[in-house]
Amino acid sequence: MKIIICFSMPKSLLKFLFLLATAIPIFAQKKNNFDLICERTSSVTAYKDLPKAIKTADSLYMKAQKPSEKIKCLVLSSELYHHAGELKKAICYSENAHSVINKINDPEWMAVVTRLLARQYRQVGLYERSKKYIIKGLQASARITDFQKSNEAAGLLNQEMAFYEMEIGDYPNAIQHIESSLKYFEKISSYNENRTAAASYQLLGDVYFKLSNYSDSEDYYRKAERLLKNGNCTLGLVYNGLGGIRLKQKNWKDAELYLKKAEKIADTSRSLKLKKAVYSNINDYYEGIGDNFKASLYAVKYVRAYDSIAARNQSFAIKDSENPKGKDNKKNAQMNGVKNAAIVILSISLVGLFLFIRRKQKKQRSKLRNIIRTQLNMIGKRTHYPLKKSGDSEFSNIFVEEIDEKDSETDRRRNDSLMTPETESKLLELLEDFEKGNLYNNKGMSLSFLAGELNTNTKYLSYVINQHKNADFKTYINRLRINYIVDKLINDEKYRQYKISILADECGFSSHSKFAAVFKAVTDYSPSAYIKYLDGETRSDKK
């Protein structure tokens, strides 16, 4: 369960109006037109038309004459931008208000603005900067002469300090600060006393939940619940906490009840952290009851909230890390320029390389597709594969399985005039029949072995193969073997599941490596690449 605070616009503006009404003595006097417009902008216009309220606040600042009026307008603008979700602008206006206060040294406004800055910086993850403003605010609250205002400011700032301690994991200190805030709130009486005390009880519930003390955690959540009204953002956190306790207890029925209440508030809230915490717990709930589909839906919601918070916080972290010194900024700018140029050049190079590889792969795929389809057409016509000429550039690197006996060009020429046309024709017919079988897969295949099978001599056989098959005996046999295994791979998908060594043995090769070398020489592809592409073609054809 995430420990967070949420910001509700209506309550925040009511509180702001209270501060406007009590922060400085002039507010107790008869209100002038400037004060009336400020109050109307914050309490009425903001509900109906937020952009108009922001524009009015900016116009009021331009008309402001006194420092207190300028501060009032800046704080109003900060609150409005905060409500709109534009935290950068909200912090900018708060910082400007802080600068004005430093000039007039007003402890009441200092306590108000430093707490506002502490909360805003905490919400974007800049905890040390938040702590700096909390300490400054506590010092200012001690100098406020009005007893009630002093105690309220100190109580709220102790709440903020508790958040800081919780973020760094120091829960005992967090408890001390929350208890201090409650003591300060007991000393005051105001219309928002219940709400501020409820926020402290809710925080205590979160801390004890973190400490796995679920009994005390629930007690504090219950105290907060009794002080809050329906729809309050803090109440959403209370219900989420109670639902988290029930999840730990595996009480799924009650967990669902509380989490539904929390979700109803979260869905209408602008607080990303509230949404994130609630969606996380609901995801855990559906995981617990085994509803994976709904669990996945809330996981997506959680990730969206998480990403939004991370993106917002990252932009502040980058801004915070910038060097404020002009000279260093100039140097950094130059370095950034060099880095950016290098990144652009590298990106262009990578894109070029990517396009080159894609183009090459496309050509290879096109070539392989043509080979496969040609083979499929040939198989459909029930004929043997055509054998490429050895002089073809595609096979200039051909490597063949070594076979014991070698034929020679000298023998071919010597026997050219000794064989009759009838013998040559008959031998061609026998070779056609030989190609239709699978005797060439015999591991003992050699020129003399085949000559014996065809009832001829090695010289005639060598001549006919060289003359009519456009290859020597080694290349001729190896191509027949590769065509055979390609036929199997195309027509029988089970062969694609075999190891390469089994395929090599199937078509008569003595080793995996020799088979792979010959296969690549004939097809220009390794056996594994060929099989992968065949599988892809099969899936494509089925679609």
Protein backbone atom coordinates (compact mmCIF):
# COMPACT_ATOMS: atom_id res chain seq x y z
CA MET A 1 0.00 0.00 0.00
CA LYS A 2 1.43 3.38 -1.01
CA ILE A 3 1.64 6.19 1.55
CA ILE A 4 0.34 9.36 -0.04
CA ILE A 5 -1.66 12.51 0.47
CA CYS A 6 -4.19 13.84 -1.98
CA PHE A 7 -5.34 17.32 -2.79
CA SER A 8 -9.02 18.13 -3.09
CA MET A 9 -9.84 21.37 -4.84
CA PRO A 10 -13.01 22.40 -3.00
CA LYS A 11 -11.56 21.86 0.47
CA SER A 12 -8.25 23.40 -0.51
CA LEU A 13 -9.91 26.53 -1.78
CA LEU A 14 -12.06 26.81 1.34
CA LYS A 15 -8.94 26.53 3.41
CA PHE A 16 -7.24 29.09 1.24
CA LEU A 17 -10.13 31.46 1.76
CA PHE A 18 -9.78 30.97 5.50
CA LEU A 19 -6.11 31.88 5.27
CA LEU A 20 -6.93 34.89 3.14
CA ALA A 21 -9.45 35.99 5.74
CA THR A 22 -7.13 35.56 8.72
CA ALA A 23 -3.52 35.85 7.52
CA ILE A 24 -3.03 39.60 7.96
CA PRO A 25 -4.89 42.29 9.92
CA ILE A 26 -6.17 44.10 6.86
CA PHE A 27 -8.42 41.12 6.04
CA ALA A 28 -10.38 41.65 9.25
CA GLN A 29 -11.34 45.10 8.08
CA LYS A 30 -14.04 45.95 5.58
CA LYS A 31 -13.25 44.09 2.37
CA ASN A 32 -12.34 46.16 -0.64
CA ASN A 33 -13.09 45.25 -4.25
CA PHE A 34 -9.72 43.49 -4.67
CA ASP A 35 -10.41 41.07 -1.81
CA LEU A 36 -13.93 40.39 -3.00
CA ILE A 37 -12.72 39.51 -6.52
CA CYS A 38 -10.04 37.18 -5.07
CA GLU A 39 -12.60 35.34 -2.98
CA ARG A 40 -15.08 35.10 -5.83
CA THR A 41 -12.36 33.78 -8.17
CA SER A 42 -11.25 31.08 -5.72
CA SER A 43 -14.63 30.00 -4.40
CA VAL A 44 -16.97 30.45 -7.36
CA THR A 45 -15.29 30.97 -10.71
CA ALA A 46 -12.83 28.09 -10.25
CA TYR A 47 -15.69 25.59 -9.96
CA LYS A 48 -17.37 26.75 -13.16
CA ASP A 49 -14.50 27.81 -15.40
CA LEU A 50 -10.95 27.02 -14.28
CA PRO A 51 -9.17 28.73 -17.25
CA LYS A 52 -11.17 31.88 -16.57
CA ALA A 53 -10.23 31.72 -12.87
CA ILE A 54 -6.55 31.43 -13.77
CA LYS A 55 -6.81 34.38 -16.15
CA THR A 56 -8.58 36.45 -13.50
CA ALA A 57 -5.90 35.63 -10.91
CA ASP A 58 -3.18 36.80 -13.31
CA SER A 59 -5.08 40.01 -13.97
CA LEU A 60 -5.46 40.62 -10.25
CA TYR A 61 -1.72 40.29 -9.80
CA MET A 62 -1.14 43.02 -12.38
CA LYS A 63 -3.48 45.31 -10.43
CA ALA A 64 -2.09 44.47 -6.99
CA GLN A 65 -0.43 47.38 -5.21
CA LYS A 66 0.58 46.02 -1.81
CA PRO A 67 2.97 43.09 -1.21
CA SER A 68 0.23 41.24 0.68
CA GLU A 69 -2.06 41.56 -2.35
CA LYS A 70 0.67 40.24 -4.67
CA ILE A 71 1.28 37.26 -2.38
CA LYS A 72 -2.43 36.56 -2.22
CA CYS A 73 -2.68 36.51 -6.04
CA LEU A 74 0.42 34.35 -6.47
CA VAL A 75 -0.84 31.79 -3.95
CA LEU A 76 -4.25 31.79 -5.62
CA SER A 77 -2.66 31.15 -9.04
CA SER A 78 -0.51 28.38 -7.58
CA GLU A 79 -3.56 26.65 -6.10
CA LEU A 80 -5.48 26.94 -9.38
CA TYR A 81 -2.63 25.55 -11.47
CA HIS A 82 -2.16 22.76 -8.92
CA HIS A 83 -5.81 21.87 -9.33
CA ALA A 84 -5.37 21.91 -13.12
CA GLY A 85 -2.51 19.39 -12.79
CA GLU A 86 0.16 21.83 -14.00
CA LEU A 87 2.59 21.43 -11.12
CA LYS A 88 5.48 23.21 -12.82
CA LYS A 89 3.48 26.42 -13.08
CA ALA A 90 2.06 25.91 -9.58
CA ILE A 91 5.55 25.69 -8.08
CA CYS A 92 6.71 28.67 -10.13
CA TYR A 93 3.96 30.86 -8.64
CA SER A 94 4.67 29.55 -5.12
CA GLU A 95 8.37 30.35 -5.50
CA ASN A 96 7.51 33.88 -6.67
CA ALA A 97 5.29 34.32 -3.62
CA HIS A 98 8.15 33.11 -1.43
CA SER A 99 10.45 35.73 -2.96
CA VAL A 100 7.98 38.52 -2.19
CA ILE A 101 7.57 37.31 1.41
CA ASN A 102 11.33 37.35 1.96
CA LYS A 103 11.28 41.09 1.25
CA ILE A 104 8.54 41.90 3.79
CA ASN A 105 9.40 39.23 6.40
CA ASP A 106 5.81 38.22 7.18
CA PRO A 107 5.83 35.02 9.34
CA GLU A 108 2.13 34.22 8.74
CA TRP A 109 2.46 34.23 4.96
CA MET A 110 5.86 32.54 5.24
CA ALA A 111 4.28 29.60 7.08
CA VAL A 112 1.49 29.37 4.49
CA VAL A 113 3.74 29.50 1.40
CA THR A 114 6.54 27.29 2.74
CA ARG A 115 3.99 24.57 3.55
CA LEU A 116 2.53 24.94 0.06
CA LEU A 117 6.01 24.57 -1.48
CA ALA A 118 6.86 21.63 0.78
CA ARG A 119 3.72 19.80 -0.30
CA GLN A 120 4.26 20.53 -4.00
CA TYR A 121 7.92 19.47 -4.00
CA ARG A 122 7.01 16.31 -2.08
CA GLN A 123 4.43 15.43 -4.68
CA VAL A 124 7.02 15.60 -7.46
CA GLY A 125 9.56 13.55 -5.47
CA LEU A 126 12.00 16.31 -4.41
CA TYR A 127 11.95 15.37 -0.74
CA GLU A 128 15.07 17.20 0.46
CA ARG A 129 13.84 20.47 -1.00
CA SER A 130 10.48 19.80 0.62
CA LYS A 131 12.21 19.31 3.99
CA LYS A 132 14.08 22.59 3.60
CA TYR A 133 10.81 24.51 3.29
CA ILE A 134 9.21 22.59 6.18
CA ILE A 135 12.02 23.67 8.53
CA LYS A 136 11.73 27.25 7.34
CA GLY A 137 7.96 27.14 7.84
CA LEU A 138 8.27 25.76 11.39
CA GLN A 139 10.62 28.58 12.27
CA ALA A 140 8.15 31.10 10.85
CA SER A 141 5.19 29.52 12.73
CA ALA A 142 6.98 30.07 16.04
CA ARG A 143 7.11 33.82 15.30
CA ILE A 144 3.39 34.19 14.57
CA THR A 145 1.81 36.24 17.34
CA ASP A 146 -1.75 34.95 16.86
CA PHE A 147 -2.06 31.85 19.07
CA GLN A 148 -4.58 30.00 16.89
CA LYS A 149 -2.77 30.70 13.61
CA SER A 150 0.56 29.71 15.10
CA ASN A 151 -0.71 26.35 16.31
CA GLU A 152 -2.54 25.57 13.08
CA ALA A 153 0.56 26.36 10.99
CA ALA A 154 2.78 24.26 13.27
CA GLY A 155 0.34 21.33 13.12
CA LEU A 156 0.16 21.35 9.32
CA LEU A 157 3.94 21.64 8.96
CA ASN A 158 4.44 18.71 11.35
CA GLN A 159 2.17 16.70 9.08
CA GLU A 160 4.43 17.54 6.17
CA MET A 161 7.52 16.54 8.15
CA ALA A 162 5.84 13.20 8.89
CA PHE A 163 5.50 12.62 5.16
CA TYR A 164 9.21 13.26 4.72
CA GLU A 165 10.14 10.79 7.49
CA MET A 166 7.85 8.16 5.97
CA GLU A 167 9.46 8.57 2.55
CA ILE A 168 12.92 7.87 4.00
CA GLY A 169 11.56 4.97 6.07
CA ASP A 170 11.98 6.51 9.53
CA TYR A 171 8.58 5.50 10.92
CA PRO A 172 9.23 6.25 14.63
CA ASN A 173 10.08 9.87 13.76
CA ALA A 174 7.04 10.03 11.50
CA ILE A 175 4.81 8.95 14.39
CA GLN A 176 6.33 11.62 16.64
CA HIS A 177 5.62 14.37 14.11
CA ILE A 178 2.04 13.17 13.55
CA GLU A 179 1.39 13.09 17.30
CA SER A 180 2.85 16.61 17.55
CA SER A 181 0.47 17.79 14.83
CA LEU A 182 -2.50 16.41 16.76
CA LYS A 183 -1.39 18.24 19.91
CA TYR A 184 -1.24 21.52 17.99
CA PHE A 185 -4.70 20.92 16.47
CA GLU A 186 -6.18 20.30 19.93
CA LYS A 187 -5.28 23.87 20.88
CA ILE A 188 -7.30 25.47 18.10
CA SER A 189 -10.94 25.63 17.12
CA SER A 190 -11.81 26.25 13.48
CA TYR A 191 -14.24 24.98 10.87
CA ASN A 192 -11.52 22.78 9.29
CA GLU A 193 -10.23 21.32 12.57
CA ASN A 194 -11.81 17.92 11.92
CA ARG A 195 -10.32 17.65 8.47
CA THR A 196 -6.76 18.46 9.57
CA ALA A 197 -6.99 16.05 12.53
CA ALA A 198 -8.44 13.34 10.24
CA ALA A 199 -5.43 13.72 7.92
CA SER A 200 -3.13 13.03 10.87
CA TYR A 201 -5.10 9.95 11.92
CA GLN A 202 -5.03 8.67 8.35
CA LEU A 203 -1.25 9.13 8.30
CA LEU A 204 -0.92 7.18 11.54
CA GLY A 205 -2.99 4.41 9.97
CA ASP A 206 -0.54 4.33 7.05
CA VAL A 207 2.50 4.20 9.31
CA TYR A 208 1.19 1.35 11.47
CA PHE A 209 0.17 -0.52 8.32
CA LYS A 210 3.77 -0.24 7.15
CA LEU A 211 4.85 -1.62 10.50
CA SER A 212 2.40 -4.55 10.03
CA ASN A 213 0.48 -3.49 13.14
CA TYR A 214 -2.92 -3.90 11.51
CA SER A 215 -4.94 -3.55 14.72
CA ASP A 216 -3.62 -0.06 15.56
CA SER A 217 -3.68 0.85 11.87
CA GLU A 218 -7.41 0.11 11.66
CA ASP A 219 -8.12 2.04 14.87
CA TYR A 220 -6.56 5.20 13.44
CA TYR A 221 -8.30 4.74 10.08
CA ARG A 222 -11.62 4.50 11.96
CA LYS A 223 -10.90 7.73 13.86
CA ALA A 224 -10.20 9.48 10.55
CA GLU A 225 -13.35 8.02 8.98
CA ARG A 226 -15.55 9.44 11.74
CA LEU A 227 -14.22 12.95 11.15
CA LEU A 228 -14.59 13.00 7.36
CA LYS A 229 -17.47 13.53 4.97
CA ASN A 230 -18.28 11.42 1.94
CA GLY A 231 -16.31 12.28 -1.20
CA ASN A 232 -13.34 13.65 0.70
CA CYS A 233 -10.02 12.64 -0.88
CA THR A 234 -8.51 11.72 2.46
CA LEU A 235 -11.49 9.43 3.00
CA GLY A 236 -10.48 7.64 -0.19
CA LEU A 237 -7.10 6.94 1.40
CA VAL A 238 -8.82 5.69 4.56
CA TYR A 239 -11.00 3.22 2.62
CA ASN A 240 -7.97 2.11 0.62
CA GLY A 241 -6.08 1.50 3.88
CA LEU A 242 -8.94 -0.52 5.36
CA GLY A 243 -9.16 -2.50 2.14
CA GLY A 244 -5.39 -3.13 2.31
CA ILE A 245 -5.75 -4.53 5.84
CA ARG A 246 -8.51 -6.89 4.67
CA LEU A 247 -6.30 -8.04 1.80
CA LYS A 248 -3.57 -8.95 4.29
CA GLN A 249 -6.17 -10.87 6.30
CA LYS A 250 -7.52 -12.54 3.11
CA ASN A 251 -10.98 -11.28 3.99
CA TRP A 252 -11.98 -10.87 0.34
CA LYS A 253 -15.59 -9.84 0.95
CA ASP A 254 -14.78 -6.87 3.21
CA ALA A 255 -11.75 -5.98 1.07
CA GLU A 256 -14.01 -5.64 -1.97
CA LEU A 257 -16.44 -3.45 -0.01
CA TYR A 258 -13.79 -0.93 1.09
CA LEU A 259 -11.89 -0.91 -2.19
CA LYS A 260 -15.05 -0.15 -4.16
CA LYS A 261 -15.61 2.90 -1.93
CA ALA A 262 -11.99 3.96 -2.43
CA GLU A 263 -12.24 3.49 -6.20
CA LYS A 264 -15.37 5.65 -6.39
CA ILE A 265 -13.45 8.54 -4.81
CA ALA A 266 -10.25 7.89 -6.80
CA ASP A 267 -12.04 7.90 -10.14
CA THR A 268 -13.37 11.42 -9.51
CA SER A 269 -10.12 12.71 -7.99
CA ARG A 270 -7.23 14.44 -9.74
CA SER A 271 -4.73 12.77 -7.42
CA LEU A 272 -2.56 10.40 -9.46
CA LYS A 273 -1.04 8.92 -6.31
CA LEU A 274 -4.45 8.11 -4.89
CA LYS A 275 -5.39 6.40 -8.16
CA LYS A 276 -2.10 4.49 -8.18
CA ALA A 277 -2.55 3.24 -4.59
CA VAL A 278 -6.19 2.22 -5.07
CA TYR A 279 -5.63 0.48 -8.42
CA SER A 280 -2.68 -1.40 -6.94
CA ASN A 281 -4.81 -2.77 -4.09
CA ILE A 282 -7.70 -3.68 -6.42
CA ASN A 283 -5.24 -5.53 -8.66
CA ASP A 284 -4.04 -7.46 -5.61
CA TYR A 285 -7.65 -8.23 -4.69
CA TYR A 286 -8.46 -9.79 -8.08
CA GLU A 287 -5.17 -11.67 -8.06
CA GLY A 288 -6.14 -13.03 -4.65
CA ILE A 289 -9.53 -14.33 -5.79
CA GLY A 290 -8.10 -15.72 -9.03
CA ASP A 291 -9.81 -13.34 -11.49
CA ASN A 292 -6.83 -12.77 -13.78
CA PHE A 293 -8.81 -10.88 -16.41
CA LYS A 294 -9.96 -8.12 -14.04
CA ALA A 295 -6.56 -8.14 -12.35
CA SER A 296 -4.97 -7.32 -15.70
CA LEU A 297 -7.41 -4.44 -16.27
CA TYR A 298 -6.42 -2.80 -13.00
CA ALA A 299 -2.77 -3.52 -13.64
CA VAL A 300 -3.09 -1.38 -16.79
CA LYS A 301 -4.77 1.41 -14.79
CA TYR A 302 -2.00 1.21 -12.19
CA VAL A 303 0.73 1.40 -14.83
CA ARG A 304 -0.88 4.44 -16.44
CA ALA A 305 -0.98 6.29 -13.12
CA TYR A 306 2.58 5.18 -12.34
CA ASP A 307 3.87 6.35 -15.73
CA SER A 308 2.16 9.73 -15.35
CA ILE A 309 3.77 10.26 -11.95
CA ALA A 310 7.18 9.10 -13.20
CA ALA A 311 7.03 11.43 -16.22
CA ARG A 312 6.07 14.38 -14.03
CA ASN A 313 8.76 13.68 -11.44
CA GLN A 314 11.46 13.12 -14.05
CA SER A 315 10.91 16.55 -15.57
CA PHE A 316 11.44 18.15 -12.13
CA ALA A 317 14.50 16.03 -11.40
CA ILE A 318 16.11 17.17 -14.66
CA LYS A 319 15.31 20.79 -13.92
CA ASP A 320 16.61 20.51 -10.36
CA SER A 321 19.92 19.06 -11.48
CA GLU A 322 20.74 22.02 -13.78
CA ASN A 323 23.67 24.21 -12.70
CA PRO A 324 22.48 27.74 -11.89
CA LYS A 325 25.80 29.44 -12.65
CA GLY A 326 25.85 31.20 -16.00
CA LYS A 327 29.38 30.14 -16.91
CA ASP A 328 28.72 26.52 -16.12
CA ASN A 329 25.42 26.68 -17.97
CA LYS A 330 27.20 27.97 -21.06
CA LYS A 331 29.76 25.19 -20.82
CA ASN A 332 27.03 22.63 -20.28
CA ALA A 333 25.14 24.02 -23.26
CA GLN A 334 28.22 23.60 -25.44
CA MET A 335 28.74 20.07 -24.19
CA ASN A 336 25.09 19.30 -24.77
CA GLY A 337 25.40 20.66 -28.30
CA VAL A 338 28.31 18.33 -29.01
CA LYS A 339 26.45 15.40 -27.46
CA ASN A 340 23.33 16.18 -29.45
CA ALA A 341 25.30 16.38 -32.69
CA ALA A 342 26.98 13.05 -31.92
CA ILE A 343 23.60 11.51 -31.14
CA VAL A 344 22.16 12.80 -34.43
CA ILE A 345 25.11 11.44 -36.43
CA LEU A 346 24.95 8.11 -34.65
CA SER A 347 21.19 7.91 -35.17
CA ILE A 348 21.54 8.59 -38.89
CA SER A 349 24.27 5.96 -39.16
CA LEU A 350 22.14 3.40 -37.32
CA VAL A 351 19.15 4.14 -39.52
CA GLY A 352 21.31 3.74 -42.64
CA LEU A 353 22.73 0.46 -41.37
CA PHE A 354 19.26 -0.75 -40.47
CA LEU A 355 17.92 0.07 -43.96
CA PHE A 356 20.92 -1.65 -45.59
CA ILE A 357 20.40 -4.82 -43.53
CA ARG A 358 16.66 -4.79 -44.21
CA ARG A 359 17.25 -4.42 -47.95
CA LYS A 360 19.74 -7.27 -47.95
CA GLN A 361 17.41 -9.48 -45.93
CA LYS A 362 14.56 -8.65 -48.29
CA LYS A 363 16.63 -9.72 -51.29
CA GLN A 364 17.61 -12.94 -49.55
CA ARG A 365 14.02 -13.70 -48.60
CA SER A 366 12.86 -13.01 -52.15
CA LYS A 367 15.54 -15.31 -53.53
CA LEU A 368 14.68 -18.08 -51.09
CA ARG A 369 10.97 -17.69 -51.80
CA ASN A 370 11.63 -18.12 -55.52
CA ILE A 371 13.75 -21.22 -54.88
CA ILE A 372 11.06 -22.81 -52.73
CA ARG A 373 8.25 -22.02 -55.14
CA THR A 374 10.22 -23.28 -58.12
CA GLN A 375 10.83 -26.50 -56.24
CA LEU A 376 7.16 -26.77 -55.30
CA ASN A 377 6.16 -26.32 -58.95
CA MET A 378 8.65 -28.95 -60.05
CA ILE A 379 7.36 -31.37 -57.41
CA GLY A 380 3.80 -30.73 -58.54
CA LYS A 381 4.76 -31.77 -62.05
CA ARG A 382 6.38 -34.92 -60.64
CA THR A 383 9.73 -34.35 -62.24
CA HIS A 384 13.25 -34.23 -60.87
CA TYR A 385 15.00 -31.00 -59.98
CA PRO A 386 16.99 -29.26 -62.70
CA LEU A 387 20.70 -29.22 -62.00
CA LYS A 388 22.46 -25.89 -62.30
CA LYS A 389 25.47 -25.46 -64.47
CA SER A 390 28.68 -25.54 -62.56
CA GLY A 391 29.72 -22.30 -64.20
CA ASP A 392 26.71 -20.48 -62.72
CA SER A 393 27.87 -17.66 -60.49
CA GLU A 394 25.37 -18.75 -57.82
CA PHE A 395 27.31 -21.99 -57.38
CA SER A 396 30.83 -20.74 -57.96
CA ASN A 397 31.67 -21.52 -54.34
CA ILE A 398 30.26 -25.03 -54.42
CA PHE A 399 31.71 -27.52 -52.02
CA VAL A 400 30.82 -31.18 -52.39
CA GLU A 401 30.98 -34.29 -50.26
CA GLU A 402 34.25 -36.09 -50.89
CA ILE A 403 33.74 -39.47 -52.62
CA ASP A 404 36.56 -41.98 -53.02
CA GLU A 405 36.87 -42.28 -56.80
CA LYS A 406 37.57 -39.33 -59.05
CA ASP A 407 36.77 -38.84 -62.70
CA SER A 408 38.93 -36.71 -64.95
CA GLU A 409 38.50 -34.47 -67.95
CA THR A 410 41.16 -36.50 -69.75
CA ASP A 411 39.09 -39.70 -69.42
CA ARG A 412 35.99 -37.87 -70.65
CA ARG A 413 37.75 -36.70 -73.81
CA ARG A 414 39.40 -40.05 -74.39
CA ASN A 415 36.09 -41.89 -74.33
CA ASP A 416 34.14 -39.26 -76.28
CA SER A 417 34.61 -41.12 -79.55
CA LEU A 418 34.37 -44.64 -78.15
CA MET A 419 30.73 -44.66 -76.98
CA THR A 420 27.95 -45.19 -79.49
CA PRO A 421 24.87 -42.92 -79.50
CA GLU A 422 22.68 -45.88 -78.53
CA THR A 423 24.79 -46.60 -75.46
CA GLU A 424 24.76 -42.92 -74.49
CA SER A 425 20.97 -42.72 -74.86
CA LYS A 426 20.44 -45.90 -72.86
CA LEU A 427 22.73 -44.67 -70.09
CA LEU A 428 20.77 -41.40 -69.90
CA GLU A 429 17.53 -43.35 -69.44
CA LEU A 430 19.11 -45.36 -66.66
CA LEU A 431 20.26 -42.15 -64.94
CA GLU A 432 16.71 -40.75 -65.18
CA ASP A 433 15.41 -43.84 -63.40
CA PHE A 434 18.25 -43.55 -60.87
CA GLU A 435 17.29 -39.95 -60.09
CA LYS A 436 13.67 -40.96 -59.42
CA GLY A 437 14.76 -43.32 -56.65
CA ASN A 438 16.89 -42.58 -53.64
CA LEU A 439 19.86 -44.88 -54.15
CA TYR A 440 22.09 -41.78 -54.26
CA ASN A 441 21.57 -41.46 -50.47
CA ASN A 442 23.60 -44.62 -49.93
CA LYS A 443 26.67 -43.70 -47.87
CA GLY A 444 28.75 -46.09 -49.97
CA MET A 445 27.85 -44.32 -53.19
CA SER A 446 30.80 -43.94 -55.57
CA LEU A 447 31.40 -43.76 -59.31
CA SER A 448 32.33 -47.45 -59.50
CA PHE A 449 29.35 -48.45 -57.31
CA LEU A 450 26.88 -46.63 -59.56
CA ALA A 451 28.56 -47.94 -62.70
CA GLY A 452 28.06 -51.45 -61.38
CA GLU A 453 24.40 -50.74 -60.60
CA LEU A 454 23.82 -49.42 -64.13
CA ASN A 455 25.84 -52.23 -65.77
CA THR A 456 28.32 -49.86 -67.42
CA ASN A 457 31.86 -48.73 -66.88
CA THR A 458 33.07 -45.71 -64.92
CA LYS A 459 34.41 -43.96 -68.02
CA TYR A 460 31.07 -44.01 -69.88
CA LEU A 461 29.19 -43.00 -66.74
CA SER A 462 31.57 -40.12 -66.00
CA TYR A 463 31.30 -38.87 -69.57
CA VAL A 464 27.47 -38.89 -69.63
CA ILE A 465 27.23 -37.10 -66.27
CA ASN A 466 29.73 -34.45 -67.31
CA GLN A 467 28.18 -34.01 -70.74
CA HIS A 468 24.45 -34.10 -69.91
CA LYS A 469 24.19 -33.22 -66.21
CA ASN A 470 26.60 -30.30 -66.37
CA ALA A 471 28.51 -31.49 -63.31
CA ASP A 472 31.16 -33.93 -62.23
CA PHE A 473 30.08 -37.05 -60.36
CA LYS A 474 30.59 -35.55 -56.85
CA THR A 475 28.53 -32.46 -57.58
CA TYR A 476 25.85 -34.51 -59.34
CA ILE A 477 25.33 -36.87 -56.37
CA ASN A 478 25.44 -34.11 -53.77
CA ARG A 479 22.85 -32.05 -55.63
CA LEU A 480 20.55 -35.05 -55.86
CA ARG A 481 20.91 -35.54 -52.10
CA ILE A 482 20.17 -31.90 -51.31
CA ASN A 483 17.18 -31.87 -53.67
CA TYR A 484 15.91 -35.00 -51.95
CA ILE A 485 16.14 -33.49 -48.46
CA VAL A 486 14.60 -30.20 -49.66
CA ASP A 487 11.71 -32.21 -51.09
CA LYS A 488 11.21 -33.83 -47.68
CA LEU A 489 11.40 -30.51 -45.87
CA ILE A 490 8.80 -28.93 -48.16
CA ASN A 491 6.31 -31.78 -48.20
CA ASP A 492 6.72 -33.38 -44.78
CA GLU A 493 6.75 -30.94 -41.87
CA LYS A 494 8.03 -33.55 -39.44
CA TYR A 495 11.44 -33.36 -41.16
CA ARG A 496 11.67 -29.71 -40.02
CA GLN A 497 11.66 -30.92 -36.43
CA TYR A 498 14.71 -33.19 -36.94
CA LYS A 499 18.21 -32.24 -35.91
CA ILE A 500 20.56 -31.26 -38.74
CA SER A 501 22.71 -34.32 -38.04
CA ILE A 502 19.69 -36.59 -38.64
CA LEU A 503 18.93 -34.83 -41.94
CA ALA A 504 22.58 -35.27 -42.96
CA ASP A 505 22.43 -38.98 -42.19
CA GLU A 506 19.10 -39.33 -44.02
CA CYS A 507 20.60 -38.20 -47.32
CA GLY A 508 23.92 -40.02 -47.05
CA PHE A 509 26.36 -37.39 -45.76
CA SER A 510 29.03 -38.58 -43.39
CA SER A 511 28.92 -35.52 -41.11
CA HIS A 512 26.79 -32.59 -40.02
CA SER A 513 29.37 -30.05 -41.19
CA LYS A 514 29.73 -31.48 -44.73
CA PHE A 515 25.95 -31.61 -45.16
CA ALA A 516 25.58 -27.99 -44.00
CA ALA A 517 28.36 -26.83 -46.34
CA VAL A 518 26.87 -28.56 -49.38
CA PHE A 519 23.32 -27.42 -48.49
CA LYS A 520 24.47 -23.80 -48.32
CA ALA A 521 26.42 -24.17 -51.59
CA VAL A 522 23.31 -25.44 -53.39
CA THR A 523 20.67 -23.16 -51.85
CA ASP A 524 22.78 -20.23 -50.56
CA TYR A 525 21.15 -20.80 -47.15
CA SER A 526 22.03 -22.84 -44.10
CA PRO A 527 19.67 -25.75 -43.29
CA SER A 528 18.32 -24.00 -40.18
CA ALA A 529 17.57 -20.77 -42.07
CA TYR A 530 15.88 -22.74 -44.85
CA ILE A 531 13.69 -24.61 -42.35
CA LYS A 532 12.77 -21.37 -40.55
CA TYR A 533 11.68 -19.75 -43.78
CA LEU A 534 9.68 -22.80 -44.84
CA ASP A 535 7.78 -22.64 -41.54
CA GLY A 536 7.04 -18.97 -42.19
CA GLU A 537 5.78 -19.71 -45.70
CA THR A 538 3.55 -22.47 -44.34
CA ARG A 539 1.96 -20.14 -41.78
CA SER A 540 1.49 -17.47 -44.45
CA ASP A 541 -0.18 -19.93 -46.84
CA LYS A 542 -2.54 -21.11 -44.08
CA LYS A 543 -3.57 -17.54 -43.36
